Amino acid sequence: MFLTSCIYDPGDSFLYIVNRTQADVYIIGRKTELLSKDNNFDGQAFLNSPLALDDTLEVAQSGPNGWKNIIKETQGGKIRLYVFSSDDLKVYKGNDTLIKKKKYKMVTLSREDLDSLNWVVTLR
């Protein structure tokens, strides 16, 4: 008798973010729309340093349905990506000022949006 064992591990799920803006950027992912100075950066910061112009960020969530499970937990079934220019961060010291002056771009995506983009979000 010959026994074999095979562990199936489909791996993590990935979201790819491509920076095609005019500058290096910082990205924060949130499950809700609310972004204020009272709860300013309680979302998931994807980077400790900026995403360089023309670079791609791979953001993994554990398990094959990692991102799909995250989206189920979000407000309205959509994730929000808040994009901050590294240039603005140099000019406006502090998170409160950036938020108050609305010096960010918000990208809102549903699962259907992400599926149609093959889970590659291009920032412009």
Protein backbone atom coordinates (compact mmCIF):
# COMPACT_ATOMS: atom_id res chain seq x y z
CA MET A 1 0.00 0.00 0.00
CA PHE A 2 1.29 3.46 -0.97
CA LEU A 3 -0.11 6.60 0.64
CA THR A 4 0.55 10.13 -0.42
CA SER A 5 -0.53 13.39 1.03
CA CYS A 6 -1.06 16.59 -0.80
CA ILE A 7 -1.95 19.86 0.88
CA TYR A 8 -3.82 22.20 -1.42
CA ASP A 9 -2.92 25.82 -0.75
CA PRO A 10 -4.43 28.18 -3.30
CA GLY A 11 -2.49 31.07 -1.76
CA ASP A 12 -3.42 34.61 -1.00
CA SER A 13 -5.57 36.96 -3.03
CA PHE A 14 -3.96 40.09 -4.40
CA LEU A 15 -4.99 43.62 -5.26
CA TYR A 16 -2.55 45.44 -7.53
CA ILE A 17 -2.32 49.22 -7.46
CA VAL A 18 -0.45 50.97 -10.27
CA ASN A 19 0.67 54.58 -9.82
CA ARG A 20 0.21 56.56 -13.04
CA THR A 21 -0.39 59.89 -11.31
CA GLN A 22 1.91 62.89 -11.51
CA ALA A 23 3.75 62.11 -8.24
CA ASP A 24 4.66 59.51 -5.67
CA VAL A 25 1.63 58.65 -3.51
CA TYR A 26 0.62 57.16 -0.19
CA ILE A 27 -2.44 54.88 -0.14
CA ILE A 28 -4.79 54.01 2.68
CA GLY A 29 -7.56 51.44 2.35
CA ARG A 30 -10.78 51.80 4.35
CA LYS A 31 -14.02 49.91 4.72
CA THR A 32 -16.13 53.07 5.13
CA GLU A 33 -16.38 56.49 3.52
CA LEU A 34 -15.79 58.41 6.69
CA LEU A 35 -12.43 60.14 6.78
CA SER A 36 -12.11 62.89 9.32
CA LYS A 37 -9.55 64.27 11.69
CA ASP A 38 -11.23 62.36 14.53
CA ASN A 39 -10.61 58.96 12.93
CA ASN A 40 -8.21 60.11 10.26
CA PHE A 41 -5.99 57.16 9.47
CA ASP A 42 -7.63 54.20 11.15
CA GLY A 43 -7.75 52.40 7.81
CA GLN A 44 -5.05 50.07 6.57
CA ALA A 45 -1.99 51.98 5.42
CA PHE A 46 -0.53 49.95 2.59
CA LEU A 47 2.89 51.59 2.63
CA ASN A 48 5.29 53.20 5.07
CA SER A 49 6.94 54.92 2.14
CA PRO A 50 5.33 56.34 -0.99
CA LEU A 51 4.41 54.30 -4.05
CA ALA A 52 6.70 55.68 -6.72
CA LEU A 53 5.44 57.00 -10.02
CA ASP A 54 4.99 54.12 -12.54
CA ASP A 55 5.44 51.51 -9.80
CA THR A 56 3.00 48.74 -8.82
CA LEU A 57 1.99 47.74 -5.31
CA GLU A 58 0.81 44.20 -4.55
CA VAL A 59 -1.49 44.11 -1.53
CA ALA A 60 -2.18 40.56 -0.30
CA GLN A 61 -5.03 39.32 1.86
CA SER A 62 -4.66 35.85 3.28
CA GLY A 63 -6.55 33.03 1.60
CA PRO A 64 -7.92 32.69 -1.92
CA ASN A 65 -10.99 34.78 -1.02
CA GLY A 66 -9.15 37.28 1.16
CA TRP A 67 -10.15 40.44 -0.70
CA LYS A 68 -13.64 39.13 -1.47
CA ASN A 69 -14.16 38.56 2.25
CA ILE A 70 -12.88 42.06 3.06
CA ILE A 71 -15.32 43.59 0.56
CA LYS A 72 -18.22 41.74 2.22
CA GLU A 73 -17.35 43.57 5.46
CA THR A 74 -17.30 47.04 3.90
CA GLN A 75 -19.91 49.77 3.90
CA GLY A 76 -22.03 49.26 0.78
CA GLY A 77 -19.87 46.37 -0.44
CA LYS A 78 -17.11 48.70 -1.62
CA ILE A 79 -13.54 49.35 -0.58
CA ARG A 80 -12.20 52.87 -0.52
CA LEU A 81 -8.65 53.78 -1.47
CA TYR A 82 -7.52 57.17 -0.23
CA VAL A 83 -4.61 58.48 -2.27
CA PHE A 84 -2.36 61.22 -0.91
CA SER A 85 0.35 62.91 -2.95
CA SER A 86 3.76 62.83 -1.29
CA ASP A 87 4.16 66.45 -2.46
CA ASP A 88 1.04 67.47 -0.52
CA LEU A 89 2.34 65.67 2.55
CA LYS A 90 5.47 67.83 2.37
CA VAL A 91 3.47 71.06 2.04
CA TYR A 92 0.65 70.33 4.49
CA LYS A 93 2.21 69.05 7.68
CA GLY A 94 -0.13 66.72 9.53
CA ASN A 95 -3.04 64.50 8.64
CA ASP A 96 -5.67 66.93 9.93
CA THR A 97 -4.72 69.63 7.43
CA LEU A 98 -4.70 67.23 4.49
CA ILE A 99 -8.16 65.99 5.38
CA LYS A 100 -9.58 69.43 6.14
CA LYS A 101 -8.31 70.80 2.81
CA LYS A 102 -9.44 67.62 1.01
CA LYS A 103 -5.97 67.03 -0.40
CA TYR A 104 -6.64 63.43 -1.33
CA LYS A 105 -8.41 61.39 -3.95
CA MET A 106 -10.85 58.65 -3.01
CA VAL A 107 -11.30 55.64 -5.29
CA THR A 108 -14.37 53.50 -4.48
CA LEU A 109 -14.54 49.99 -5.91
CA SER A 110 -17.02 47.13 -5.68
CA ARG A 111 -16.17 43.48 -6.25
CA GLU A 112 -17.69 43.72 -9.73
CA ASP A 113 -15.49 46.75 -10.47
CA LEU A 114 -12.40 44.87 -9.31
CA ASP A 115 -13.33 41.73 -11.25
CA SER A 116 -13.70 43.80 -14.44
CA LEU A 117 -10.27 45.34 -13.78
CA ASN A 118 -8.73 41.91 -13.07
CA TRP A 119 -7.93 43.27 -9.60
CA VAL A 120 -5.52 45.86 -11.04
CA VAL A 121 -6.34 49.44 -10.04
CA THR A 122 -4.55 52.12 -12.01
CA LEU A 123 -4.34 55.53 -10.33
CA ARG A 124 -4.36 58.46 -12.74
